Structure formats: C-alpha cells, structure tokens
C-alpha atoms as a PDB file:
ATOM      1  CA  MET A   1      -2.985   7.418 -10.558  1.00  0.00           C
ATOM      2  CA  SER A   2       0.073   6.461 -12.559  1.00  0.00           C
ATOM      3  CA  LEU A   3       0.429   7.700 -16.098  1.00  0.00           C
ATOM      4  CA  THR A   4       2.326   7.159 -19.309  1.00  0.00           C
ATOM      5  CA  LEU A   5       3.315  10.372 -21.036  1.00  0.00           C
ATOM      6  CA  PHE A   6       5.497   9.062 -23.833  1.00  0.00           C
ATOM      7  CA  SER A   7       5.342   5.857 -25.808  1.00  0.00           C
ATOM      8  CA  GLN A   8       8.438   3.717 -26.090  1.00  0.00           C
ATOM      9  CA  GLU A   9       8.675   4.249 -29.832  1.00  0.00           C
ATOM     10  CA  ARG A  10      10.848   7.045 -31.134  1.00  0.00           C
ATOM     11  CA  LEU A  11       8.790  10.028 -32.298  1.00  0.00           C
ATOM     12  CA  THR A  12       9.684  11.489 -35.680  1.00  0.00           C
ATOM     13  CA  GLY A  13       9.255  15.009 -37.024  1.00  0.00           C
ATOM     14  CA  LYS A  14      11.281  18.058 -37.962  1.00  0.00           C
ATOM     15  CA  CYS A  15      12.838  21.158 -36.478  1.00  0.00           C
ATOM     16  CA  ILE A  16      10.710  24.131 -37.541  1.00  0.00           C
ATOM     17  CA  LYS A  17      12.560  26.926 -35.783  1.00  0.00           C
ATOM     18  CA  GLY A  18      15.904  27.630 -34.147  1.00  0.00           C
ATOM     19  CA  ASP A  19      18.554  25.115 -33.149  1.00  0.00           C
ATOM     20  CA  CYS A  20      17.210  21.670 -32.237  1.00  0.00           C
ATOM     21  CA  GLN A  21      20.698  20.264 -31.651  1.00  0.00           C
ATOM     22  CA  ASN A  22      22.450  22.591 -29.233  1.00  0.00           C
ATOM     23  CA  GLY A  23      20.437  25.684 -28.418  1.00  0.00           C
ATOM     24  CA  ASP A  24      16.829  26.803 -28.355  1.00  0.00           C
ATOM     25  CA  GLY A  25      14.439  25.473 -30.948  1.00  0.00           C
ATOM     26  CA  SER A  26      10.968  24.234 -31.850  1.00  0.00           C
ATOM     27  CA  PHE A  27      10.336  20.700 -33.027  1.00  0.00           C
ATOM     28  CA  GLN A  28       7.092  19.568 -34.659  1.00  0.00           C
ATOM     29  CA  PHE A  29       6.367  15.858 -34.278  1.00  0.00           C
ATOM     30  CA  ASP A  30       4.561  13.874 -36.940  1.00  0.00           C
ATOM     31  CA  ASN A  31       1.955  12.743 -34.399  1.00  0.00           C
ATOM     32  CA  GLY A  32       0.889  16.351 -33.744  1.00  0.00           C
ATOM     33  CA  ASP A  33       2.940  17.031 -30.591  1.00  0.00           C
ATOM     34  CA  LYS A  34       5.286  20.022 -30.381  1.00  0.00           C
ATOM     35  CA  TYR A  35       8.255  20.945 -28.202  1.00  0.00           C
ATOM     36  CA  THR A  36       9.776  24.394 -27.795  1.00  0.00           C
ATOM     37  CA  GLY A  37      12.772  24.920 -25.582  1.00  0.00           C
ATOM     38  CA  ALA A  38      16.381  24.054 -24.882  1.00  0.00           C
ATOM     39  CA  TYR A  39      18.340  21.312 -26.640  1.00  0.00           C
ATOM     40  CA  ARG A  40      21.695  19.704 -26.010  1.00  0.00           C
ATOM     41  CA  ASN A  41      23.153  16.948 -28.178  1.00  0.00           C
ATOM     42  CA  GLY A  42      19.900  16.742 -30.097  1.00  0.00           C
ATOM     43  CA  GLN A  43      17.817  15.991 -26.980  1.00  0.00           C
ATOM     44  CA  ARG A  44      15.484  18.016 -24.793  1.00  0.00           C
ATOM     45  CA  ASN A  45      17.726  19.352 -22.022  1.00  0.00           C
ATOM     46  CA  GLY A  46      16.963  22.379 -19.879  1.00  0.00           C
ATOM     47  CA  GLU A  47      13.778  24.423 -19.783  1.00  0.00           C
ATOM     48  CA  GLY A  48      11.073  23.754 -22.329  1.00  0.00           C
ATOM     49  CA  THR A  49       7.396  23.283 -23.113  1.00  0.00           C
ATOM     50  CA  TYR A  50       5.913  20.138 -24.629  1.00  0.00           C
ATOM     51  CA  ILE A  51       2.398  20.446 -26.071  1.00  0.00           C
ATOM     52  CA  TYR A  52       0.494  17.254 -26.844  1.00  0.00           C
ATOM     53  CA  LYS A  53      -1.951  16.984 -29.713  1.00  0.00           C
ATOM     54  CA  SER A  54      -4.637  16.453 -27.062  1.00  0.00           C
ATOM     55  CA  GLY A  55      -3.973  19.941 -25.707  1.00  0.00           C
ATOM     56  CA  ASP A  56      -2.173  18.755 -22.569  1.00  0.00           C
ATOM     57  CA  ARG A  57       1.080  20.580 -21.912  1.00  0.00           C
ATOM     58  CA  TYR A  58       4.153  20.331 -19.719  1.00  0.00           C
ATOM     59  CA  THR A  59       6.402  23.287 -18.949  1.00  0.00           C
ATOM     60  CA  GLY A  60       9.518  22.710 -16.905  1.00  0.00           C
ATOM     61  CA  THR A  61      12.911  21.077 -16.726  1.00  0.00           C
ATOM     62  CA  TRP A  62      14.112  18.309 -19.066  1.00  0.00           C
ATOM     63  CA  SER A  63      17.046  15.929 -19.009  1.00  0.00           C
ATOM     64  CA  ASN A  64      17.830  13.666 -21.955  1.00  0.00           C
ATOM     65  CA  ASN A  65      14.319  13.916 -23.409  1.00  0.00           C
ATOM     66  CA  GLN A  66      12.639  13.193 -20.074  1.00  0.00           C
ATOM     67  CA  MET A  67      10.858  15.379 -17.560  1.00  0.00           C
ATOM     68  CA  ASN A  68      13.246  15.741 -14.637  1.00  0.00           C
ATOM     69  CA  GLY A  69      13.133  18.403 -11.945  1.00  0.00           C
ATOM     70  CA  TYR A  70      10.362  20.913 -11.363  1.00  0.00           C
ATOM     71  CA  GLY A  71       7.581  21.127 -13.891  1.00  0.00           C
ATOM     72  CA  GLU A  72       3.933  22.023 -14.373  1.00  0.00           C
ATOM     73  CA  TYR A  73       1.545  19.782 -16.288  1.00  0.00           C
ATOM     74  CA  TYR A  74      -1.863  21.043 -17.404  1.00  0.00           C
ATOM     75  CA  GLY A  75      -4.119  18.392 -18.874  1.00  0.00           C
ATOM     76  CA  VAL A  76      -7.629  17.299 -19.628  1.00  0.00           C
ATOM     77  CA  ASN A  77      -7.726  14.875 -16.693  1.00  0.00           C
ATOM     78  CA  TYR A  78      -5.598  16.689 -14.112  1.00  0.00           C
ATOM     79  CA  ASP A  79      -3.183  19.545 -13.404  1.00  0.00           C
ATOM     80  CA  TYR A  80       0.076  18.906 -11.558  1.00  0.00           C
ATOM     81  CA  LYS A  81       2.778  21.186 -10.175  1.00  0.00           C
ATOM     82  CA  GLY A  82       5.866  19.703  -8.618  1.00  0.00           C
ATOM     83  CA  LYS A  83       8.870  17.468  -8.990  1.00  0.00           C
ATOM     84  CA  TRP A  84       9.452  14.906 -11.751  1.00  0.00           C
ATOM     85  CA  ALA A  85      11.888  12.058 -12.364  1.00  0.00           C
ATOM     86  CA  ASN A  86      12.102  10.160 -15.658  1.00  0.00           C
ATOM     87  CA  ASN A  87       8.671  11.328 -16.854  1.00  0.00           C
ATOM     88  CA  GLN A  88       7.032  10.371 -13.534  1.00  0.00           C
ATOM     89  CA  GLN A  89       5.653  12.573 -10.784  1.00  0.00           C
ATOM     90  CA  HIS A  90       8.318  11.992  -8.150  1.00  0.00           C
ATOM     91  CA  GLY A  91       8.938  14.148  -5.087  1.00  0.00           C
ATOM     92  CA  GLN A  92       6.892  16.982  -3.605  1.00  0.00           C
ATOM     93  CA  GLY A  93       3.934  18.091  -5.667  1.00  0.00           C
ATOM     94  CA  THR A  94       0.254  19.017  -5.936  1.00  0.00           C
ATOM     95  CA  ILE A  95      -2.287  17.393  -8.234  1.00  0.00           C
ATOM     96  CA  HIS A  96      -5.820  18.617  -8.987  1.00  0.00           C
ATOM     97  CA  PHE A  97      -8.173  16.065 -10.541  1.00  0.00           C
ATOM     98  CA  LYS A  98     -10.574  17.244 -13.240  1.00  0.00           C
ATOM     99  CA  THR A  99     -12.420  14.145 -14.440  1.00  0.00           C
ATOM    100  CA  GLY A 100     -13.849  10.895 -13.088  1.00  0.00           C
ATOM    101  CA  LYS A 101     -14.842  10.120  -9.523  1.00  0.00           C
ATOM    102  CA  ARG A 102     -11.959  12.243  -8.210  1.00  0.00           C
ATOM    103  CA  ALA A 103     -13.012  15.387 -10.124  1.00  0.00           C
ATOM    104  CA  GLY A 104     -12.583  18.407  -7.862  1.00  0.00           C
ATOM    105  CA  ASP A 105     -10.320  16.578  -5.395  1.00  0.00           C
ATOM    106  CA  SER A 106      -6.653  17.382  -4.883  1.00  0.00           C
ATOM    107  CA  TYR A 107      -3.562  15.961  -3.205  1.00  0.00           C
ATOM    108  CA  THR A 108      -0.445  17.709  -1.885  1.00  0.00           C
ATOM    109  CA  GLY A 109       2.531  15.743  -0.679  1.00  0.00           C
ATOM    110  CA  GLN A 110       5.166  13.284  -1.796  1.00  0.00           C
ATOM    111  CA  PHE A 111       4.907  11.216  -4.983  1.00  0.00           C
ATOM    112  CA  VAL A 112       6.756   8.049  -5.959  1.00  0.00           C
ATOM    113  CA  ASN A 113       6.402   6.933  -9.573  1.00  0.00           C
ATOM    114  CA  SER A 114       3.319   9.107 -10.096  1.00  0.00           C
ATOM    115  CA  ARG A 115       1.476   7.862  -7.007  1.00  0.00           C
ATOM    116  CA  PRO A 116       1.097   9.541  -3.600  1.00  0.00           C
ATOM    117  CA  GLN A 117       3.471   7.977  -1.109  1.00  0.00           C
ATOM    118  CA  GLY A 118       4.998   9.200   2.110  1.00  0.00           C
ATOM    119  CA  LYS A 119       4.100  10.925   5.351  1.00  0.00           C
ATOM    120  CA  ASN A 120       2.154  14.125   6.010  1.00  0.00           C
ATOM    121  CA  GLY A 121       0.250  14.129   2.733  1.00  0.00           C
ATOM    122  CA  VAL A 122      -3.047  15.993   2.400  1.00  0.00           C
ATOM    123  CA  TYR A 123      -5.922  14.765   0.225  1.00  0.00           C
ATOM    124  CA  THR A 124      -8.647  17.433  -0.068  1.00  0.00           C
ATOM    125  CA  TYR A 125     -12.146  16.538  -1.205  1.00  0.00           C
ATOM    126  CA  ARG A 126     -14.286  18.584  -3.594  1.00  0.00           C
ATOM    127  CA  ASP A 127     -17.136  20.819  -2.472  1.00  0.00           C
ATOM    128  CA  GLY A 128     -20.281  18.791  -1.968  1.00  0.00           C
ATOM    129  CA  SER A 129     -18.514  15.755  -0.569  1.00  0.00           C
ATOM    130  CA  ASP A 130     -19.333  14.640   2.971  1.00  0.00           C
ATOM    131  CA  LYS A 131     -15.580  14.610   3.605  1.00  0.00           C
ATOM    132  CA  ILE A 132     -13.211  17.592   3.929  1.00  0.00           C
ATOM    133  CA  LYS A 133      -9.716  16.107   3.874  1.00  0.00           C
ATOM    134  CA  TYR A 134      -7.415  13.298   4.878  1.00  0.00           C
ATOM    135  CA  GLU A 135      -4.058  14.130   6.454  1.00  0.00           C
ATOM    136  CA  GLY A 136      -1.499  11.426   7.060  1.00  0.00           C
ATOM    137  CA  ASP A 137       0.456   8.582   5.527  1.00  0.00           C
ATOM    138  CA  PHE A 138       0.154   7.298   1.968  1.00  0.00           C
ATOM    139  CA  GLU A 139       1.458   4.209   0.218  1.00  0.00           C
ATOM    140  CA  ARG A 140       0.872   3.194  -3.401  1.00  0.00           C
ATOM    141  CA  GLY A 141      -1.591   6.043  -3.870  1.00  0.00           C
ATOM    142  CA  LYS A 142      -3.847   5.056  -0.956  1.00  0.00           C
ATOM    143  CA  PHE A 143      -4.357   5.895   2.710  1.00  0.00           C
ATOM    144  CA  ASN A 144      -1.923   3.561   4.464  1.00  0.00           C
ATOM    145  CA  GLY A 145      -0.545   4.144   7.935  1.00  0.00           C
ATOM    146  CA  GLU A 146      -1.531   6.784  10.471  1.00  0.00           C
ATOM    147  CA  GLY A 147      -3.931   9.480   9.390  1.00  0.00           C
ATOM    148  CA  THR A 148      -7.032  11.552  10.077  1.00  0.00           C
ATOM    149  CA  LEU A 149     -10.086  11.854   7.833  1.00  0.00           C
ATOM    150  CA  THR A 150     -12.226  14.899   8.649  1.00  0.00           C
ATOM    151  CA  TYR A 151     -15.905  15.042   7.679  1.00  0.00           C
ATOM    152  CA  ARG A 152     -18.169  18.025   6.969  1.00  0.00           C
ATOM    153  CA  ASP A 153     -20.009  17.433  10.248  1.00  0.00           C
ATOM    154  CA  ASN A 154     -16.650  17.917  12.057  1.00  0.00           C
ATOM    155  CA  SER A 155     -16.393  14.249  13.019  1.00  0.00           C
ATOM    156  CA  GLU A 156     -13.086  12.451  12.424  1.00  0.00           C
ATOM    157  CA  ASP A 157     -11.680   9.014  11.770  1.00  0.00           C
ATOM    158  CA  GLU A 158      -8.233   9.190  13.375  1.00  0.00           C
ATOM    159  CA  GLY A 159      -5.997   6.170  13.566  1.00  0.00           C
ATOM    160  CA  MET A 160      -4.607   3.469  11.321  1.00  0.00           C
ATOM    161  CA  TRP A 161      -5.580   2.934   7.675  1.00  0.00           C
ATOM    162  CA  LYS A 162      -5.089   0.097   5.209  1.00  0.00           C
ATOM    163  CA  ASP A 163      -5.723   0.672   1.481  1.00  0.00           C
ATOM    164  CA  ASP A 164      -8.228   3.506   2.143  1.00  0.00           C
ATOM    165  CA  VAL A 165     -10.031   1.489   4.837  1.00  0.00           C
ATOM    166  CA  PHE A 166     -10.137   2.814   8.399  1.00  0.00           C
ATOM    167  CA  LEU A 167      -8.938   0.111  10.789  1.00  0.00           C
ATOM    168  CA  GLY A 168      -9.651   1.809  14.084  1.00  0.00           C
ATOM    169  CA  ALA A 169      -8.629   4.438  16.571  1.00  0.00           C
ATOM    170  CA  GLU A 170      -7.720   2.236  19.519  1.00  0.00           C
ATOM    171  CA  ILE A 171      -4.589   0.682  18.091  1.00  0.00           C
ATOM    172  CA  GLY A 172      -1.980   1.059  20.750  1.00  0.00           C
ATOM    173  CA  VAL A 173      -2.153  -2.016  22.966  1.00  0.00           C
ATOM    174  CA  TYR A 174       1.065  -3.907  22.292  1.00  0.00           C
ATOM    175  CA  LEU A 175       1.405  -7.405  23.668  1.00  0.00           C
ATOM    176  CA  LYS A 176       4.140 -10.004  23.301  1.00  0.00           C
ATOM    177  CA  GLN A 177       1.731 -12.951  23.374  1.00  0.00           C
ATOM    178  CA  PRO A 178      -1.867 -11.730  23.073  1.00  0.00           C
ATOM    179  CA  VAL A 179      -4.800 -14.072  23.662  1.00  0.00           C
ATOM    180  CA  LEU A 180      -6.886 -13.890  20.508  1.00  0.00           C
ATOM    181  CA  LYS A 181     -10.245 -15.331  19.560  1.00  0.00           C
ATOM    182  CA  LYS A 182     -11.750 -16.438  16.278  1.00  0.00           C
ATOM    183  CA  GLY A 183     -12.729 -13.394  14.206  1.00  0.00           C
ATOM    184  CA  ASP A 184     -10.300 -11.015  15.935  1.00  0.00           C
ATOM    185  CA  THR A 185      -8.152  -8.787  13.740  1.00  0.00           C
ATOM    186  CA  VAL A 186      -4.426  -8.228  14.197  1.00  0.00           C
ATOM    187  CA  ILE A 187      -2.259  -5.504  12.749  1.00  0.00           C
ATOM    188  CA  THR A 188       1.447  -6.210  12.964  1.00  0.00           C
ATOM    189  CA  GLN A 189       4.181  -3.710  13.665  1.00  0.00           C
ATOM    190  CA  SER A 190       7.933  -4.026  13.116  1.00  0.00           C
ATOM    191  CA  ASN A 191      10.667  -3.309  15.652  1.00  0.00           C
ATOM    192  CA  ASN A 192      11.420   0.132  14.233  1.00  0.00           C
ATOM    193  CA  ASN A 193       7.801   1.208  14.846  1.00  0.00           C
ATOM    194  CA  LYS A 194       7.025   1.472  11.148  1.00  0.00           C
ATOM    195  CA  TYR A 195       3.612  -0.052  10.531  1.00  0.00           C
ATOM    196  CA  LEU A 196       3.678  -2.765   7.899  1.00  0.00           C
ATOM    197  CA  LEU A 197      -0.127  -3.034   7.963  1.00  0.00           C
ATOM    198  CA  SER A 198      -0.250  -6.739   7.263  1.00  0.00           C
ATOM    199  CA  GLN A 199      -3.803  -7.149   8.576  1.00  0.00           C
ATOM    200  CA  GLN A 200      -4.842 -10.719   9.377  1.00  0.00           C
ATOM    201  CA  THR A 201      -7.979 -12.321  10.797  1.00  0.00           C
ATOM    202  CA  ILE A 202      -7.626 -15.040  13.389  1.00  0.00           C
ATOM    203  CA  MET A 203      -9.295 -18.293  12.269  1.00  0.00           C
ATOM    204  CA  LYS A 204      -8.908 -20.333  15.469  1.00  0.00           C
ATOM    205  CA  ASN A 205      -9.815 -19.979  19.133  1.00  0.00           C
ATOM    206  CA  ASP A 206      -6.519 -20.736  20.881  1.00  0.00           C
ATOM    207  CA  LYS A 207      -3.465 -18.500  21.390  1.00  0.00           C
ATOM    208  CA  TYR A 208      -2.004 -17.147  18.186  1.00  0.00           C
ATOM    209  CA  GLN A 209       1.745 -17.674  18.308  1.00  0.00           C
ATOM    210  CA  MET A 210       4.000 -14.723  17.591  1.00  0.00           C
ATOM    211  CA  GLU A 211       6.107 -16.532  15.020  1.00  0.00           C
ATOM    212  CA  GLU A 212       3.051 -17.298  12.879  1.00  0.00           C
ATOM    213  CA  LEU A 213       2.788 -13.624  11.946  1.00  0.00           C
ATOM    214  CA  ASN A 214       6.559 -13.315  11.643  1.00  0.00           C
ATOM    215  CA  GLU A 215       6.581 -10.026  13.537  1.00  0.00           C
ATOM    216  CA  SER A 216       7.869  -9.047  16.968  1.00  0.00           C
ATOM    217  CA  ILE A 217       5.109  -6.756  18.235  1.00  0.00           C
ATOM    218  CA  PHE A 218       1.316  -6.891  17.944  1.00  0.00           C
ATOM    219  CA  ALA A 219      -1.147  -4.043  17.803  1.00  0.00           C
ATOM    220  CA  ILE A 220      -4.685  -5.054  18.663  1.00  0.00           C
ATOM    221  CA  GLU A 221      -7.531  -3.259  16.946  1.00  0.00           C
ATOM    222  CA  LYS A 222     -10.610  -2.184  18.870  1.00  0.00           C
ATOM    223  CA  ASP A 223     -13.861  -3.671  17.596  1.00  0.00           C
ATOM    224  CA  THR A 224     -15.851  -0.436  17.360  1.00  0.00           C
ATOM    225  CA  LYS A 225     -19.113  -2.179  16.374  1.00  0.00           C
ATOM    226  CA  ASN A 226     -19.249  -4.395  19.484  1.00  0.00           C
ATOM    227  CA  ASN A 227     -17.359  -1.883  21.632  1.00  0.00           C
ATOM    228  CA  ARG A 228     -14.923  -4.452  22.982  1.00  0.00           C
ATOM    229  CA  LYS A 229     -11.179  -4.671  22.943  1.00  0.00           C
ATOM    230  CA  LEU A 230      -9.768  -7.735  21.251  1.00  0.00           C
ATOM    231  CA  ILE A 231      -7.283  -8.780  23.910  1.00  0.00           C
END
C-alpha cells in the first residue's frame, strides 16, 4: 500500500502567478504538474494544492516541499484524508480504495510510512463481499495481532492474526514448558504481553525447550480442524 508521490529528481518549471519565493503563488512544472499555495524561501511551505498531470491532487499542509501535517489526497487509485509526514501517509487517517482487488474497501486508523499499522484499526469491505469488516491490530499493512473479522452471515473470526491469516481463537493457555508434538503450532509472546507473532511449527516429538524459541512465555493455538488443544 506504500506509494511514491515525487521522484528524487528536481522538477523544473516556472512561476506563472504570484510570489513563488515568499508568499502565495502558482508554479507550473515542465512535466505537467502544478502547485498553487504558500511559499517560503522558494519552497512549498504552508497550505497549498498540488495537481498531478494524471489528475490526482493533494490539498493540505506542506513543509520544505513535502507533505507534512493534515492533507487530503484524491487520486485515480485511492482517496486519503489524514496525517502525512515527509510525503508518506503517517498518523491517523482514512483511505478509500478505488481500483484493483481492494476497490470499494476502506481503512481507518494509524498509518506508518503509508501502510496501516497500530491498534484499533478498522478495515471495511465493499458491498458484495462475504466480509463486513476487520477491527484490531495491524502491522506492515496486514492483520497482525488481536482482531475480529466479521462476516455477512454474522459469524466472526476473533483472536490472533498473522499476515492476514487467522491463527485461532483459543490462544490463551500459557505454559512455561509445554509438551508439544510434531505438527503442533506455537505462537510466542514477550514478557510485556506484546505479541511478536513468530509462528513456528514443531518438527520433533519430544519436549520443545523454551530457549529454542528465545521467548519467555508460550501461547498454544487450538487446532480447530481436529478440535483438540495442542498441550
């Protein structure tokens, strides 16, 4: 979900109206882009609107030629309203997808470097999907941590997630030295109760020593297919 809004090369053009050094002005770029808004020291600083030759546009706060602060981006692929840092979606915001497999979906919550990340995010699915929404933790743009996915038939997957995959609802049995069997799955947890989600599959039949996972607490996942607890 990350994006690149400006190339690293310096864009050339000319000031077509106002003061493009220290004041309000309009600058036409040679590549077809256009900026209208506040300038300071010859850079975009303050409130302004940048229109891309593609038709995409950003209206909001600028700092030293970069989108910083609150801004609204309306594009061909998505619309976004929220916080920005150094041309990246960063902070609280809402994105609505308009193309691709996510078309019609939306996400509201925290962003880090243009990807959903943080707690209490909400991903809402488009009409016609068998899913309604996911509410919970995100990391690197995916469902990671504790969360609940609600379906149109009112059923739910509530529990721990790893990279958009539901791991199970019965995570909550914490043992110092669990007895594990070949094929069992372990999800490790750190001392501060923040799930690290380093999922591992046991490849031997004897006891799996705690130091081999390099964690202090174990959470054992319920095998929902066989309806047995892996302890």
